[in-house]
Amino acid sequence: MNRALARSQCDRRRLAGTKDEPENHTFEWLTLVATGDIWIAQGTAAYTGGRTYSNLWVVRPGQDG
């Protein structure tokens, strides 16, 4: 098993049962690229305990946008 996959599985086990509450984090997102059929967005969640997570999403909107 590669290290990234092993770490991901450990993180999932460690975080199982945790729940985001409005008072324990902030979330911000930013559209980086928006073409006609593909959008790329970055989202960042910062938790009161000091951890920050940042993700990139590739979004393909439906026909209704």
PDB file of N, CA and C in Angstrom:
ATOM      1  N   MET A   1       0.855  -1.178   0.000  1.00  0.00           N
ATOM      2  CA  MET A   1       0.000   0.000   0.000  1.00  0.00           C
ATOM      3  C   MET A   1       0.899   1.238   0.000  1.00  0.00           C
ATOM      4  N   ASN A   2       0.554   2.225  -0.834  1.00  0.00           N
ATOM      5  CA  ASN A   2       1.401   3.415  -0.861  1.00  0.00           C
ATOM      6  C   ASN A   2       1.133   4.304   0.350  1.00  0.00           C
ATOM      7  N   ARG A   3       2.063   5.188   0.651  1.00  0.00           N
ATOM      8  CA  ARG A   3       1.983   6.021   1.856  1.00  0.00           C
ATOM      9  C   ARG A   3       0.762   6.940   1.864  1.00  0.00           C
ATOM     10  N   ALA A   4       0.457   7.541   0.713  1.00  0.00           N
ATOM     11  CA  ALA A   4      -0.680   8.471   0.652  1.00  0.00           C
ATOM     12  C   ALA A   4      -1.978   7.742   0.954  1.00  0.00           C
ATOM     13  N   LEU A   5      -2.152   6.556   0.400  1.00  0.00           N
ATOM     14  CA  LEU A   5      -3.366   5.786   0.651  1.00  0.00           C
ATOM     15  C   LEU A   5      -3.441   5.363   2.104  1.00  0.00           C
ATOM     16  N   ALA A   6      -2.346   4.906   2.666  1.00  0.00           N
ATOM     17  CA  ALA A   6      -2.326   4.500   4.076  1.00  0.00           C
ATOM     18  C   ALA A   6      -2.666   5.676   4.978  1.00  0.00           C
ATOM     19  N   ARG A   7      -2.099   6.833   4.680  1.00  0.00           N
ATOM     20  CA  ARG A   7      -2.388   8.016   5.492  1.00  0.00           C
ATOM     21  C   ARG A   7      -3.854   8.406   5.383  1.00  0.00           C
ATOM     22  N   SER A   8      -4.391   8.352   4.167  1.00  0.00           N
ATOM     23  CA  SER A   8      -5.795   8.682   3.959  1.00  0.00           C
ATOM     24  C   SER A   8      -6.694   7.770   4.779  1.00  0.00           C
ATOM     25  N   GLN A   9      -6.392   6.484   4.794  1.00  0.00           N
ATOM     26  CA  GLN A   9      -7.202   5.540   5.560  1.00  0.00           C
ATOM     27  C   GLN A   9      -7.080   5.805   7.051  1.00  0.00           C
ATOM     28  N   CYS A  10      -5.885   6.135   7.531  1.00  0.00           N
ATOM     29  CA  CYS A  10      -5.696   6.469   8.943  1.00  0.00           C
ATOM     30  C   CYS A  10      -6.460   7.731   9.309  1.00  0.00           C
ATOM     31  N   ASP A  11      -6.410   8.735   8.456  1.00  0.00           N
ATOM     32  CA  ASP A  11      -7.139   9.976   8.714  1.00  0.00           C
ATOM     33  C   ASP A  11      -8.634   9.714   8.791  1.00  0.00           C
ATOM     34  N   ARG A  12      -9.153   8.881   7.900  1.00  0.00           N
ATOM     35  CA  ARG A  12     -10.587   8.572   7.924  1.00  0.00           C
ATOM     36  C   ARG A  12     -10.980   7.896   9.228  1.00  0.00           C
ATOM     37  N   ARG A  13     -10.161   6.952   9.695  1.00  0.00           N
ATOM     38  CA  ARG A  13     -10.463   6.280  10.963  1.00  0.00           C
ATOM     39  C   ARG A  13     -10.404   7.268  12.123  1.00  0.00           C
ATOM     40  N   ARG A  14      -9.403   8.128  12.116  1.00  0.00           N
ATOM     41  CA  ARG A  14      -9.236   9.092  13.202  1.00  0.00           C
ATOM     42  C   ARG A  14     -10.387  10.097  13.232  1.00  0.00           C
ATOM     43  N   LEU A  15     -10.859  10.484  12.057  1.00  0.00           N
ATOM     44  CA  LEU A  15     -11.906  11.496  11.981  1.00  0.00           C
ATOM     45  C   LEU A  15     -13.318  10.919  12.027  1.00  0.00           C
ATOM     46  N   ALA A  16     -13.449   9.612  11.980  1.00  0.00           N
ATOM     47  CA  ALA A  16     -14.778   8.989  12.007  1.00  0.00           C
ATOM     48  C   ALA A  16     -15.513   9.435  13.265  1.00  0.00           C
ATOM     49  N   GLY A  17     -16.735   9.835  13.079  1.00  0.00           N
ATOM     50  CA  GLY A  17     -17.543  10.276  14.208  1.00  0.00           C
ATOM     51  C   GLY A  17     -17.385  11.742  14.551  1.00  0.00           C
ATOM     52  N   THR A  18     -16.460  12.445  13.902  1.00  0.00           N
ATOM     53  CA  THR A  18     -16.343  13.876  14.156  1.00  0.00           C
ATOM     54  C   THR A  18     -17.338  14.604  13.266  1.00  0.00           C
ATOM     55  N   LYS A  19     -17.732  15.747  13.707  1.00  0.00           N
ATOM     56  CA  LYS A  19     -18.747  16.502  12.966  1.00  0.00           C
ATOM     57  C   LYS A  19     -18.344  17.967  12.936  1.00  0.00           C
ATOM     58  N   ASP A  20     -18.430  18.571  11.763  1.00  0.00           N
ATOM     59  CA  ASP A  20     -18.187  20.004  11.670  1.00  0.00           C
ATOM     60  C   ASP A  20     -19.373  20.739  12.267  1.00  0.00           C
ATOM     61  N   GLU A  21     -19.078  21.667  13.137  1.00  0.00           N
ATOM     62  CA  GLU A  21     -20.087  22.553  13.712  1.00  0.00           C
ATOM     63  C   GLU A  21     -19.746  23.968  13.273  1.00  0.00           C
ATOM     64  N   PRO A  22     -20.754  24.832  13.130  1.00  0.00           N
ATOM     65  CA  PRO A  22     -20.477  26.198  12.658  1.00  0.00           C
ATOM     66  C   PRO A  22     -19.429  26.938  13.492  1.00  0.00           C
ATOM     67  N   GLU A  23     -19.350  26.644  14.773  1.00  0.00           N
ATOM     68  CA  GLU A  23     -18.427  27.380  15.629  1.00  0.00           C
ATOM     69  C   GLU A  23     -17.016  26.794  15.679  1.00  0.00           C
ATOM     70  N   ASN A  24     -16.771  25.635  15.044  1.00  0.00           N
ATOM     71  CA  ASN A  24     -15.435  25.045  15.159  1.00  0.00           C
ATOM     72  C   ASN A  24     -14.579  25.191  13.898  1.00  0.00           C
ATOM     73  N   HIS A  25     -15.075  25.903  12.890  1.00  0.00           N
ATOM     74  CA  HIS A  25     -14.274  26.065  11.680  1.00  0.00           C
ATOM     75  C   HIS A  25     -14.800  27.216  10.824  1.00  0.00           C
ATOM     76  N   THR A  26     -13.964  27.635   9.906  1.00  0.00           N
ATOM     77  CA  THR A  26     -14.400  28.563   8.861  1.00  0.00           C
ATOM     78  C   THR A  26     -14.143  27.882   7.524  1.00  0.00           C
ATOM     79  N   PHE A  27     -14.891  28.270   6.519  1.00  0.00           N
ATOM     80  CA  PHE A  27     -14.703  27.707   5.190  1.00  0.00           C
ATOM     81  C   PHE A  27     -14.756  28.831   4.178  1.00  0.00           C
ATOM     82  N   GLU A  28     -13.788  28.839   3.282  1.00  0.00           N
ATOM     83  CA  GLU A  28     -13.759  29.817   2.198  1.00  0.00           C
ATOM     84  C   GLU A  28     -13.507  29.085   0.895  1.00  0.00           C
ATOM     85  N   TRP A  29     -14.071  29.594  -0.186  1.00  0.00           N
ATOM     86  CA  TRP A  29     -13.800  29.003  -1.492  1.00  0.00           C
ATOM     87  C   TRP A  29     -13.564  30.102  -2.501  1.00  0.00           C
ATOM     88  N   LEU A  30     -12.822  29.743  -3.540  1.00  0.00           N
ATOM     89  CA  LEU A  30     -12.439  30.692  -4.568  1.00  0.00           C
ATOM     90  C   LEU A  30     -12.467  29.980  -5.914  1.00  0.00           C
ATOM     91  N   THR A  31     -13.119  30.586  -6.881  1.00  0.00           N
ATOM     92  CA  THR A  31     -13.103  30.036  -8.236  1.00  0.00           C
ATOM     93  C   THR A  31     -11.776  30.414  -8.877  1.00  0.00           C
ATOM     94  N   LEU A  32     -11.008  29.416  -9.283  1.00  0.00           N
ATOM     95  CA  LEU A  32      -9.717  29.661  -9.906  1.00  0.00           C
ATOM     96  C   LEU A  32      -9.829  29.758 -11.421  1.00  0.00           C
ATOM     97  N   VAL A  33     -10.655  28.888 -12.020  1.00  0.00           N
ATOM     98  CA  VAL A  33     -10.857  28.860 -13.463  1.00  0.00           C
ATOM     99  C   VAL A  33     -12.324  28.571 -13.724  1.00  0.00           C
ATOM    100  N   ALA A  34     -12.912  29.295 -14.667  1.00  0.00           N
ATOM    101  CA  ALA A  34     -14.297  29.023 -15.063  1.00  0.00           C
ATOM    102  C   ALA A  34     -14.378  29.134 -16.575  1.00  0.00           C
ATOM    103  N   THR A  35     -14.434  27.982 -17.225  1.00  0.00           N
ATOM    104  CA  THR A  35     -14.650  27.966 -18.662  1.00  0.00           C
ATOM    105  C   THR A  35     -16.098  27.559 -18.880  1.00  0.00           C
ATOM    106  N   GLY A  36     -16.504  27.390 -20.105  1.00  0.00           N
ATOM    107  CA  GLY A  36     -17.889  27.028 -20.368  1.00  0.00           C
ATOM    108  C   GLY A  36     -18.323  25.729 -19.737  1.00  0.00           C
ATOM    109  N   ASP A  37     -17.440  24.727 -19.725  1.00  0.00           N
ATOM    110  CA  ASP A  37     -17.867  23.422 -19.258  1.00  0.00           C
ATOM    111  C   ASP A  37     -17.067  22.862 -18.092  1.00  0.00           C
ATOM    112  N   ILE A  38     -16.028  23.556 -17.636  1.00  0.00           N
ATOM    113  CA  ILE A  38     -15.253  23.097 -16.487  1.00  0.00           C
ATOM    114  C   ILE A  38     -14.914  24.291 -15.597  1.00  0.00           C
ATOM    115  N   TRP A  39     -15.126  24.090 -14.310  1.00  0.00           N
ATOM    116  CA  TRP A  39     -14.738  25.083 -13.321  1.00  0.00           C
ATOM    117  C   TRP A  39     -13.738  24.426 -12.381  1.00  0.00           C
ATOM    118  N   ILE A  40     -12.767  25.184 -11.907  1.00  0.00           N
ATOM    119  CA  ILE A  40     -11.842  24.696 -10.891  1.00  0.00           C
ATOM    120  C   ILE A  40     -11.934  25.654  -9.713  1.00  0.00           C
ATOM    121  N   ALA A  41     -12.194  25.076  -8.541  1.00  0.00           N
ATOM    122  CA  ALA A  41     -12.353  25.875  -7.330  1.00  0.00           C
ATOM    123  C   ALA A  41     -11.425  25.353  -6.242  1.00  0.00           C
ATOM    124  N   GLN A  42     -10.989  26.261  -5.374  1.00  0.00           N
ATOM    125  CA  GLN A  42     -10.192  25.887  -4.217  1.00  0.00           C
ATOM    126  C   GLN A  42     -11.010  26.187  -2.974  1.00  0.00           C
ATOM    127  N   GLY A  43     -11.101  25.220  -2.093  1.00  0.00           N
ATOM    128  CA  GLY A  43     -11.802  25.409  -0.825  1.00  0.00           C
ATOM    129  C   GLY A  43     -10.834  25.206   0.322  1.00  0.00           C
ATOM    130  N   THR A  44     -10.953  26.041   1.357  1.00  0.00           N
ATOM    131  CA  THR A  44     -10.075  25.934   2.516  1.00  0.00           C
ATOM    132  C   THR A  44     -10.913  25.958   3.783  1.00  0.00           C
ATOM    133  N   ALA A  45     -10.719  24.931   4.613  1.00  0.00           N
ATOM    134  CA  ALA A  45     -11.387  24.858   5.913  1.00  0.00           C
ATOM    135  C   ALA A  45     -10.317  25.024   6.983  1.00  0.00           C
ATOM    136  N   ALA A  46     -10.520  25.991   7.881  1.00  0.00           N
ATOM    137  CA  ALA A  46      -9.588  26.235   8.988  1.00  0.00           C
ATOM    138  C   ALA A  46     -10.326  25.950  10.293  1.00  0.00           C
ATOM    139  N   TYR A  47      -9.772  25.056  11.095  1.00  0.00           N
ATOM    140  CA  TYR A  47     -10.410  24.627  12.338  1.00  0.00           C
ATOM    141  C   TYR A  47      -9.809  25.328  13.540  1.00  0.00           C
ATOM    142  N   THR A  48     -10.620  25.504  14.577  1.00  0.00           N
ATOM    143  CA  THR A  48     -10.171  26.203  15.773  1.00  0.00           C
ATOM    144  C   THR A  48      -9.001  25.504  16.451  1.00  0.00           C
ATOM    145  N   GLY A  49      -8.833  24.203  16.248  1.00  0.00           N
ATOM    146  CA  GLY A  49      -7.709  23.471  16.826  1.00  0.00           C
ATOM    147  C   GLY A  49      -6.393  23.718  16.117  1.00  0.00           C
ATOM    148  N   GLY A  50      -6.411  24.480  15.028  1.00  0.00           N
ATOM    149  CA  GLY A  50      -5.184  24.825  14.326  1.00  0.00           C
ATOM    150  C   GLY A  50      -4.978  24.127  12.995  1.00  0.00           C
ATOM    151  N   ARG A  51      -5.753  23.108  12.696  1.00  0.00           N
ATOM    152  CA  ARG A  51      -5.575  22.406  11.415  1.00  0.00           C
ATOM    153  C   ARG A  51      -6.267  23.165  10.297  1.00  0.00           C
ATOM    154  N   THR A  52      -5.626  23.154   9.123  1.00  0.00           N
ATOM    155  CA  THR A  52      -6.195  23.768   7.928  1.00  0.00           C
ATOM    156  C   THR A  52      -6.121  22.762   6.792  1.00  0.00           C
ATOM    157  N   TYR A  53      -7.218  22.626   6.069  1.00  0.00           N
ATOM    158  CA  TYR A  53      -7.282  21.714   4.936  1.00  0.00           C
ATOM    159  C   TYR A  53      -7.659  22.510   3.700  1.00  0.00           C
ATOM    160  N   SER A  54      -6.975  22.234   2.596  1.00  0.00           N
ATOM    161  CA  SER A  54      -7.247  22.923   1.349  1.00  0.00           C
ATOM    162  C   SER A  54      -7.407  21.875   0.253  1.00  0.00           C
ATOM    163  N   ASN A  55      -8.437  22.040  -0.565  1.00  0.00           N
ATOM    164  CA  ASN A  55      -8.732  21.085  -1.622  1.00  0.00           C
ATOM    165  C   ASN A  55      -9.006  21.819  -2.926  1.00  0.00           C
ATOM    166  N   LEU A  56      -8.750  21.129  -4.024  1.00  0.00           N
ATOM    167  CA  LEU A  56      -9.125  21.626  -5.343  1.00  0.00           C
ATOM    168  C   LEU A  56     -10.240  20.753  -5.874  1.00  0.00           C
ATOM    169  N   TRP A  57     -11.240  21.381  -6.488  1.00  0.00           N
ATOM    170  CA  TRP A  57     -12.350  20.652  -7.086  1.00  0.00           C
ATOM    171  C   TRP A  57     -12.445  20.984  -8.564  1.00  0.00           C
ATOM    172  N   VAL A  58     -12.627  19.964  -9.365  1.00  0.00           N
ATOM    173  CA  VAL A  58     -12.956  20.141 -10.779  1.00  0.00           C
ATOM    174  C   VAL A  58     -14.464  19.941 -10.865  1.00  0.00           C
ATOM    175  N   VAL A  59     -15.161  20.963 -11.331  1.00  0.00           N
ATOM    176  CA  VAL A  59     -16.622  20.938 -11.363  1.00  0.00           C
ATOM    177  C   VAL A  59     -17.081  20.979 -12.823  1.00  0.00           C
ATOM    178  N   ARG A  60     -17.937  20.060 -13.160  1.00  0.00           N
ATOM    179  CA  ARG A  60     -18.564  20.064 -14.484  1.00  0.00           C
ATOM    180  C   ARG A  60     -20.059  20.294 -14.255  1.00  0.00           C
ATOM    181  N   PRO A  61     -20.510  21.539 -14.423  1.00  0.00           N
ATOM    182  CA  PRO A  61     -21.912  21.844 -14.120  1.00  0.00           C
ATOM    183  C   PRO A  61     -22.871  21.112 -15.058  1.00  0.00           C
ATOM    184  N   GLY A  62     -24.058  20.847 -14.532  1.00  0.00           N
ATOM    185  CA  GLY A  62     -25.102  20.249 -15.348  1.00  0.00           C
ATOM    186  C   GLY A  62     -25.617  21.245 -16.373  1.00  0.00           C
ATOM    187  N   GLN A  63     -26.533  20.818 -17.202  1.00  0.00           N
ATOM    188  CA  GLN A  63     -27.041  21.688 -18.248  1.00  0.00           C
ATOM    189  C   GLN A  63     -27.755  22.910 -17.701  1.00  0.00           C
ATOM    190  N   ASP A  64     -28.252  22.821 -16.461  1.00  0.00           N
ATOM    191  CA  ASP A  64     -28.950  23.966 -15.879  1.00  0.00           C
ATOM    192  C   ASP A  64     -27.995  24.897 -15.099  1.00  0.00           C
ATOM    193  N   GLY A  65     -26.680  24.611 -15.200  1.00  0.00           N
ATOM    194  CA  GLY A  65     -25.671  25.472 -14.565  1.00  0.00           C
ATOM    195  C   GLY A  65     -25.420  25.095 -13.167  1.00  0.00           C
TER     196      GLY A  65
END
